[in-house]
Amino acid sequence: MLALAPAGHAAAQAAFSATLQSDYQYRGISLSEGRPTLSLNLAYDHSSGAYAGASAIAVDAAHDGVEMLGFTAYAGYSHRLAQGLSWEVGASNTNATDYDAVKYTVNYTELYAGLSSERVSARIYYSPDYLGESRSSLYLDLNGSVSPAPHWRVFGHAGVLTPLSGSPWGGGRRELYDLRAGVAAQVKSCEFSLAYTAASPHIYAEPFRRERSALVASASYFF
């Protein structure tokens, strides 16, 4: 549910942004049932390489108006290497409540490590209790982007989720896959994007049964 910070900057800095999305997709799952969401995001990068951030996400619920969908927080450390590479380690926490079943709340933590360059990144996440389902998991997160023209970028993502304990997901399937590809344009302090997401069938505990292919539009403003 969160976008992790890039590698540390040369000077300490804080950033605040707001993002409106037509659907809140998380690793191929729609956490908002295709409803629009608004997230407020705060990120801080220290010159030492330490970084941290948090997000609050609200959803336009079908029957009850605007409700809080969840909160995320992360903290980590990154270090620049030669040839433009960086490595990082950190931890994230997700607390999400399903707006259509408000008594169903998950609160789980992931540890991650990654390697990145200017255009590509790879991270591996470990959770001892993924989505609160009492099973540990690994998630491989691959991302890349290119800039075909000034203020434009084309991006892609591939992810693989593997359970380490508990029974396989539906149909005896162990690995679950999700893909995303899109284009983004920057206009002054705003970024607009359109992305297509797809995933292999997921069978999770309720209420996370909403894998779906979707075309997701988003708009972000950076303060």
C-alpha atoms as a PDB file:
ATOM      1  CA  MET A   1       0.000   0.000   0.000  1.00  0.00           C
ATOM      2  CA  LEU A   2       2.886   2.258  -0.091  1.00  0.00           C
ATOM      3  CA  ALA A   3       5.597   3.499  -2.378  1.00  0.00           C
ATOM      4  CA  LEU A   4       8.944   3.195  -0.726  1.00  0.00           C
ATOM      5  CA  ALA A   5      11.403   6.054  -0.754  1.00  0.00           C
ATOM      6  CA  PRO A   6      14.228   6.126  -3.284  1.00  0.00           C
ATOM      7  CA  ALA A   7      17.851   5.953  -2.280  1.00  0.00           C
ATOM      8  CA  GLY A   8      19.074   8.678   0.083  1.00  0.00           C
ATOM      9  CA  HIS A   9      19.775  12.182  -1.233  1.00  0.00           C
ATOM     10  CA  ALA A  10      22.852  14.290  -0.732  1.00  0.00           C
ATOM     11  CA  ALA A  11      20.980  16.646   1.606  1.00  0.00           C
ATOM     12  CA  ALA A  12      18.164  16.064   4.077  1.00  0.00           C
ATOM     13  CA  GLN A  13      14.740  16.890   2.713  1.00  0.00           C
ATOM     14  CA  ALA A  14      11.055  16.349   3.413  1.00  0.00           C
ATOM     15  CA  ALA A  15       8.312  15.965   0.819  1.00  0.00           C
ATOM     16  CA  PHE A  16       4.526  16.053   1.033  1.00  0.00           C
ATOM     17  CA  SER A  17       2.114  14.918  -1.676  1.00  0.00           C
ATOM     18  CA  ALA A  18      -1.537  14.088  -2.278  1.00  0.00           C
ATOM     19  CA  THR A  19      -2.700  11.408  -4.710  1.00  0.00           C
ATOM     20  CA  LEU A  20      -6.171  10.755  -6.129  1.00  0.00           C
ATOM     21  CA  GLN A  21      -6.696   7.306  -7.693  1.00  0.00           C
ATOM     22  CA  SER A  22      -9.653   5.747  -9.471  1.00  0.00           C
ATOM     23  CA  ASP A  23      -8.932   2.394  -7.767  1.00  0.00           C
ATOM     24  CA  TYR A  24      -6.515   1.455  -4.963  1.00  0.00           C
ATOM     25  CA  GLN A  25      -4.596  -1.551  -6.245  1.00  0.00           C
ATOM     26  CA  TYR A  26      -2.165  -3.432  -4.023  1.00  0.00           C
ATOM     27  CA  ARG A  27      -0.216  -6.275  -5.623  1.00  0.00           C
ATOM     28  CA  GLY A  28      -3.089  -7.101  -7.931  1.00  0.00           C
ATOM     29  CA  ILE A  29      -5.814  -6.730  -5.290  1.00  0.00           C
ATOM     30  CA  SER A  30      -8.334  -3.901  -5.332  1.00  0.00           C
ATOM     31  CA  LEU A  31      -8.542  -2.775  -1.713  1.00  0.00           C
ATOM     32  CA  SER A  32     -11.208  -0.196  -2.575  1.00  0.00           C
ATOM     33  CA  GLU A  33     -13.522  -2.402  -4.706  1.00  0.00           C
ATOM     34  CA  GLY A  34     -12.893  -0.150  -7.689  1.00  0.00           C
ATOM     35  CA  ARG A  35     -13.840   2.998  -5.765  1.00  0.00           C
ATOM     36  CA  PRO A  36     -11.692   6.182  -5.885  1.00  0.00           C
ATOM     37  CA  THR A  37      -9.265   6.951  -3.068  1.00  0.00           C
ATOM     38  CA  LEU A  38      -7.295   9.926  -1.802  1.00  0.00           C
ATOM     39  CA  SER A  39      -3.964   9.475  -0.046  1.00  0.00           C
ATOM     40  CA  LEU A  40      -1.844  12.014   1.819  1.00  0.00           C
ATOM     41  CA  ASN A  41       1.841  11.113   1.850  1.00  0.00           C
ATOM     42  CA  LEU A  42       4.808  12.367   3.849  1.00  0.00           C
ATOM     43  CA  ALA A  43       8.408  11.318   3.111  1.00  0.00           C
ATOM     44  CA  TYR A  44      11.694  12.315   4.726  1.00  0.00           C
ATOM     45  CA  ASP A  45      15.199  11.574   3.451  1.00  0.00           C
ATOM     46  CA  HIS A  46      18.203  12.286   5.683  1.00  0.00           C
ATOM     47  CA  SER A  47      21.657  13.016   4.320  1.00  0.00           C
ATOM     48  CA  SER A  48      22.970   9.977   6.229  1.00  0.00           C
ATOM     49  CA  GLY A  49      20.870   7.667   4.042  1.00  0.00           C
ATOM     50  CA  ALA A  50      18.130   7.077   6.605  1.00  0.00           C
ATOM     51  CA  TYR A  51      14.581   7.671   5.394  1.00  0.00           C
ATOM     52  CA  ALA A  52      11.017   7.328   6.632  1.00  0.00           C
ATOM     53  CA  GLY A  53       7.489   8.078   5.523  1.00  0.00           C
ATOM     54  CA  ALA A  54       3.791   7.547   6.113  1.00  0.00           C
ATOM     55  CA  SER A  55       0.523   7.633   4.187  1.00  0.00           C
ATOM     56  CA  ALA A  56      -3.133   7.960   5.138  1.00  0.00           C
ATOM     57  CA  ILE A  57      -5.663   6.663   2.598  1.00  0.00           C
ATOM     58  CA  ALA A  58      -9.368   7.537   2.445  1.00  0.00           C
ATOM     59  CA  VAL A  59     -11.933   5.882   0.180  1.00  0.00           C
ATOM     60  CA  ASP A  60     -15.233   7.032  -1.312  1.00  0.00           C
ATOM     61  CA  ALA A  61     -17.297   4.185   0.142  1.00  0.00           C
ATOM     62  CA  ALA A  62     -20.355   3.014  -1.746  1.00  0.00           C
ATOM     63  CA  HIS A  63     -22.909   3.618   1.011  1.00  0.00           C
ATOM     64  CA  ASP A  64     -21.271   5.537   3.847  1.00  0.00           C
ATOM     65  CA  GLY A  65     -19.424   8.360   2.133  1.00  0.00           C
ATOM     66  CA  VAL A  66     -15.736   8.944   2.764  1.00  0.00           C
ATOM     67  CA  GLU A  67     -14.079   6.507   5.189  1.00  0.00           C
ATOM     68  CA  MET A  68     -10.492   5.755   6.150  1.00  0.00           C
ATOM     69  CA  LEU A  69      -9.149   2.819   4.178  1.00  0.00           C
ATOM     70  CA  GLY A  70      -5.822   2.532   5.953  1.00  0.00           C
ATOM     71  CA  PHE A  71      -2.478   3.833   7.118  1.00  0.00           C
ATOM     72  CA  THR A  72       1.026   2.838   6.122  1.00  0.00           C
ATOM     73  CA  ALA A  73       4.443   3.704   7.511  1.00  0.00           C
ATOM     74  CA  TYR A  74       7.985   2.763   6.599  1.00  0.00           C
ATOM     75  CA  ALA A  75      11.573   3.434   7.652  1.00  0.00           C
ATOM     76  CA  GLY A  76      14.858   2.340   6.165  1.00  0.00           C
ATOM     77  CA  TYR A  77      18.437   3.060   5.259  1.00  0.00           C
ATOM     78  CA  SER A  78      19.994   3.349   1.792  1.00  0.00           C
ATOM     79  CA  HIS A  79      23.589   3.603   0.654  1.00  0.00           C
ATOM     80  CA  ARG A  80      24.971   4.623  -2.712  1.00  0.00           C
ATOM     81  CA  LEU A  81      27.468   2.370  -4.451  1.00  0.00           C
ATOM     82  CA  ALA A  82      29.592   2.850  -7.543  1.00  0.00           C
ATOM     83  CA  GLN A  83      28.115   2.969 -11.062  1.00  0.00           C
ATOM     84  CA  GLY A  84      24.935   4.640  -9.821  1.00  0.00           C
ATOM     85  CA  LEU A  85      23.696   1.674  -7.781  1.00  0.00           C
ATOM     86  CA  SER A  86      22.182   1.849  -4.296  1.00  0.00           C
ATOM     87  CA  TRP A  87      21.208  -0.771  -1.747  1.00  0.00           C
ATOM     88  CA  GLU A  88      18.606  -0.386   0.973  1.00  0.00           C
ATOM     89  CA  VAL A  89      17.050  -2.190   3.918  1.00  0.00           C
ATOM     90  CA  GLY A  90      13.991  -1.299   5.939  1.00  0.00           C
ATOM     91  CA  ALA A  91      10.625  -2.195   7.401  1.00  0.00           C
ATOM     92  CA  SER A  92       7.043  -1.214   6.634  1.00  0.00           C
ATOM     93  CA  ASN A  93       3.750  -1.530   8.477  1.00  0.00           C
ATOM     94  CA  THR A  94       0.273  -1.623   6.974  1.00  0.00           C
ATOM     95  CA  ASN A  95      -2.989  -1.129   8.852  1.00  0.00           C
ATOM     96  CA  ALA A  96      -6.032  -1.470   6.603  1.00  0.00           C
ATOM     97  CA  THR A  97      -9.765  -1.719   7.260  1.00  0.00           C
ATOM     98  CA  ASP A  98     -12.158  -2.922   4.599  1.00  0.00           C
ATOM     99  CA  TYR A  99     -14.833  -0.248   4.137  1.00  0.00           C
ATOM    100  CA  ASP A 100     -17.431  -2.826   3.104  1.00  0.00           C
ATOM    101  CA  ALA A 101     -16.742  -4.917   6.235  1.00  0.00           C
ATOM    102  CA  VAL A 102     -15.441  -2.379   8.703  1.00  0.00           C
ATOM    103  CA  LYS A 103     -14.788  -4.940  11.444  1.00  0.00           C
ATOM    104  CA  TYR A 104     -12.189  -6.697   9.266  1.00  0.00           C
ATOM    105  CA  THR A 105      -8.860  -4.999   9.915  1.00  0.00           C
ATOM    106  CA  VAL A 106      -5.357  -6.191   9.127  1.00  0.00           C
ATOM    107  CA  ASN A 107      -2.177  -4.939  10.727  1.00  0.00           C
ATOM    108  CA  TYR A 108       1.018  -6.541   9.471  1.00  0.00           C
ATOM    109  CA  THR A 109       4.704  -5.760   9.037  1.00  0.00           C
ATOM    110  CA  GLU A 110       7.190  -6.496   6.258  1.00  0.00           C
ATOM    111  CA  LEU A 111      10.990  -6.359   6.200  1.00  0.00           C
ATOM    112  CA  TYR A 112      12.642  -5.561   2.886  1.00  0.00           C
ATOM    113  CA  ALA A 113      15.996  -5.285   1.140  1.00  0.00           C
ATOM    114  CA  GLY A 114      16.679  -3.969  -2.325  1.00  0.00           C
ATOM    115  CA  LEU A 115      19.063  -2.860  -5.026  1.00  0.00           C
ATOM    116  CA  SER A 116      18.298  -0.008  -7.413  1.00  0.00           C
ATOM    117  CA  SER A 117      19.679   2.190 -10.163  1.00  0.00           C
ATOM    118  CA  GLU A 118      18.260   5.283 -11.798  1.00  0.00           C
ATOM    119  CA  ARG A 119      15.766   3.359 -13.936  1.00  0.00           C
ATOM    120  CA  VAL A 120      15.301  -0.107 -12.396  1.00  0.00           C
ATOM    121  CA  SER A 121      14.876  -1.518  -8.899  1.00  0.00           C
ATOM    122  CA  ALA A 122      14.468  -4.907  -7.263  1.00  0.00           C
ATOM    123  CA  ARG A 123      13.260  -5.512  -3.711  1.00  0.00           C
ATOM    124  CA  ILE A 124      12.462  -8.604  -1.691  1.00  0.00           C
ATOM    125  CA  TYR A 125       9.910  -8.358   1.133  1.00  0.00           C
ATOM    126  CA  TYR A 126       9.407 -10.787   4.001  1.00  0.00           C
ATOM    127  CA  SER A 127       6.270 -10.829   6.140  1.00  0.00           C
ATOM    128  CA  PRO A 128       5.725 -13.223   9.068  1.00  0.00           C
ATOM    129  CA  ASP A 129       1.935 -12.651   8.850  1.00  0.00           C
ATOM    130  CA  TYR A 130       0.994 -11.498   5.354  1.00  0.00           C
ATOM    131  CA  LEU A 131      -2.393  -9.710   5.248  1.00  0.00           C
ATOM    132  CA  GLY A 132      -3.077 -11.063   8.730  1.00  0.00           C
ATOM    133  CA  GLU A 133      -3.616 -14.588   7.333  1.00  0.00           C
ATOM    134  CA  SER A 134      -1.209 -16.308   9.767  1.00  0.00           C
ATOM    135  CA  ARG A 135       1.212 -17.288   7.034  1.00  0.00           C
ATOM    136  CA  SER A 136       4.682 -15.996   6.244  1.00  0.00           C
ATOM    137  CA  SER A 137       5.556 -14.915   2.717  1.00  0.00           C
ATOM    138  CA  LEU A 138       8.170 -13.520   0.362  1.00  0.00           C
ATOM    139  CA  TYR A 139       7.351 -10.944  -2.296  1.00  0.00           C
ATOM    140  CA  LEU A 140       9.699 -10.070  -5.182  1.00  0.00           C
ATOM    141  CA  ASP A 141       9.080  -6.548  -6.480  1.00  0.00           C
ATOM    142  CA  LEU A 142      10.623  -5.504  -9.825  1.00  0.00           C
ATOM    143  CA  ASN A 143      10.153  -1.987 -11.228  1.00  0.00           C
ATOM    144  CA  GLY A 144      11.510  -0.049 -14.175  1.00  0.00           C
ATOM    145  CA  SER A 145      10.900   3.156 -16.101  1.00  0.00           C
ATOM    146  CA  VAL A 146      12.160   5.054 -19.139  1.00  0.00           C
ATOM    147  CA  SER A 147      11.689   8.675 -20.193  1.00  0.00           C
ATOM    148  CA  PRO A 148      10.893   8.841 -23.934  1.00  0.00           C
ATOM    149  CA  ALA A 149      10.477  12.626 -23.824  1.00  0.00           C
ATOM    150  CA  PRO A 150      10.908  15.444 -21.293  1.00  0.00           C
ATOM    151  CA  HIS A 151       8.301  15.249 -18.496  1.00  0.00           C
ATOM    152  CA  TRP A 152       7.076  11.843 -19.696  1.00  0.00           C
ATOM    153  CA  ARG A 153       7.867   8.377 -18.412  1.00  0.00           C
ATOM    154  CA  VAL A 154       6.759   4.858 -19.231  1.00  0.00           C
ATOM    155  CA  PHE A 155       6.846   2.445 -16.304  1.00  0.00           C
ATOM    156  CA  GLY A 156       6.356  -1.222 -15.589  1.00  0.00           C
ATOM    157  CA  HIS A 157       6.158  -3.560 -12.611  1.00  0.00           C
ATOM    158  CA  ALA A 158       6.214  -7.320 -12.039  1.00  0.00           C
ATOM    159  CA  GLY A 159       5.672  -9.010  -8.692  1.00  0.00           C
ATOM    160  CA  VAL A 160       5.753 -12.589  -7.403  1.00  0.00           C
ATOM    161  CA  LEU A 161       4.262 -13.556  -4.031  1.00  0.00           C
ATOM    162  CA  THR A 162       5.328 -16.894  -2.508  1.00  0.00           C
ATOM    163  CA  PRO A 163       3.955 -18.336   0.758  1.00  0.00           C
ATOM    164  CA  LEU A 164       6.566 -19.782   3.102  1.00  0.00           C
ATOM    165  CA  SER A 165       4.120 -21.368   5.532  1.00  0.00           C
ATOM    166  CA  GLY A 166       0.499 -22.427   5.562  1.00  0.00           C
ATOM    167  CA  SER A 167      -1.412 -23.947   2.670  1.00  0.00           C
ATOM    168  CA  PRO A 168      -0.984 -22.710  -0.910  1.00  0.00           C
ATOM    169  CA  TRP A 169      -3.441 -20.181  -2.248  1.00  0.00           C
ATOM    170  CA  GLY A 170      -6.456 -21.257  -4.284  1.00  0.00           C
ATOM    171  CA  GLY A 171      -6.267 -24.263  -6.562  1.00  0.00           C
ATOM    172  CA  GLY A 172      -3.019 -25.492  -5.032  1.00  0.00           C
ATOM    173  CA  ARG A 173      -1.281 -22.457  -6.494  1.00  0.00           C
ATOM    174  CA  ARG A 174       1.792 -21.369  -4.584  1.00  0.00           C
ATOM    175  CA  GLU A 175       3.144 -18.370  -6.468  1.00  0.00           C
ATOM    176  CA  LEU A 176       0.869 -15.432  -7.265  1.00  0.00           C
ATOM    177  CA  TYR A 177       1.823 -12.913  -9.943  1.00  0.00           C
ATOM    178  CA  ASP A 178       0.876  -9.322 -10.619  1.00  0.00           C
ATOM    179  CA  LEU A 179       1.801  -6.953 -13.450  1.00  0.00           C
ATOM    180  CA  ARG A 180       1.409  -3.246 -14.067  1.00  0.00           C
ATOM    181  CA  ALA A 181       2.332  -1.048 -17.031  1.00  0.00           C
ATOM    182  CA  GLY A 182       1.555   2.592 -17.673  1.00  0.00           C
ATOM    183  CA  VAL A 183       2.524   6.067 -18.706  1.00  0.00           C
ATOM    184  CA  ALA A 184       2.899   9.241 -16.629  1.00  0.00           C
ATOM    185  CA  ALA A 185       3.191  12.923 -17.483  1.00  0.00           C
ATOM    186  CA  GLN A 186       4.529  15.675 -15.235  1.00  0.00           C
ATOM    187  CA  VAL A 187       2.909  19.103 -15.454  1.00  0.00           C
ATOM    188  CA  LYS A 188       4.558  21.592 -13.096  1.00  0.00           C
ATOM    189  CA  SER A 189       3.906  20.265  -9.567  1.00  0.00           C
ATOM    190  CA  CYS A 190       1.493  17.567 -10.737  1.00  0.00           C
ATOM    191  CA  GLU A 191       1.872  14.105 -12.196  1.00  0.00           C
ATOM    192  CA  PHE A 192      -0.893  12.319 -14.101  1.00  0.00           C
ATOM    193  CA  SER A 193      -0.707   8.617 -14.870  1.00  0.00           C
ATOM    194  CA  LEU A 194      -2.699   5.842 -16.490  1.00  0.00           C
ATOM    195  CA  ALA A 195      -1.787   2.215 -15.789  1.00  0.00           C
ATOM    196  CA  TYR A 196      -3.155  -1.240 -16.554  1.00  0.00           C
ATOM    197  CA  THR A 197      -2.883  -3.844 -13.802  1.00  0.00           C
ATOM    198  CA  ALA A 198      -3.416  -7.597 -13.970  1.00  0.00           C
ATOM    199  CA  ALA A 199      -2.886 -10.507 -11.592  1.00  0.00           C
ATOM    200  CA  SER A 200      -3.185 -14.259 -11.352  1.00  0.00           C
ATOM    201  CA  PRO A 201      -6.268 -15.420  -9.409  1.00  0.00           C
ATOM    202  CA  HIS A 202      -5.958 -14.706  -5.686  1.00  0.00           C
ATOM    203  CA  ILE A 203      -7.936 -16.559  -3.051  1.00  0.00           C
ATOM    204  CA  TYR A 204      -7.357 -14.792   0.235  1.00  0.00           C
ATOM    205  CA  ALA A 205      -9.361 -14.625   3.407  1.00  0.00           C
ATOM    206  CA  GLU A 206     -12.224 -12.155   3.336  1.00  0.00           C
ATOM    207  CA  PRO A 207     -12.370  -9.358   2.452  1.00  0.00           C
ATOM    208  CA  PHE A 208      -9.294  -9.557   0.200  1.00  0.00           C
ATOM    209  CA  ARG A 209     -10.869 -11.569  -2.626  1.00  0.00           C
ATOM    210  CA  ARG A 210     -10.896  -8.809  -5.186  1.00  0.00           C
ATOM    211  CA  GLU A 211      -8.175  -9.533  -7.676  1.00  0.00           C
ATOM    212  CA  ARG A 212      -9.105  -7.775 -10.909  1.00  0.00           C
ATOM    213  CA  SER A 213      -7.612  -6.451 -14.082  1.00  0.00           C
ATOM    214  CA  ALA A 214      -8.113  -2.724 -14.102  1.00  0.00           C
ATOM    215  CA  LEU A 215      -7.215   0.502 -15.824  1.00  0.00           C
ATOM    216  CA  VAL A 216      -6.234   2.899 -13.045  1.00  0.00           C
ATOM    217  CA  ALA A 217      -5.995   6.664 -13.447  1.00  0.00           C
ATOM    218  CA  SER A 218      -4.229   8.792 -10.863  1.00  0.00           C
ATOM    219  CA  ALA A 219      -3.246  12.387 -10.241  1.00  0.00           C
ATOM    220  CA  SER A 220      -0.625  13.525  -7.722  1.00  0.00           C
ATOM    221  CA  TYR A 221       0.256  16.973  -6.451  1.00  0.00           C
ATOM    222  CA  PHE A 222       3.672  17.566  -4.865  1.00  0.00           C
ATOM    223  CA  PHE A 223       3.833  20.388  -2.340  1.00  0.00           C
END
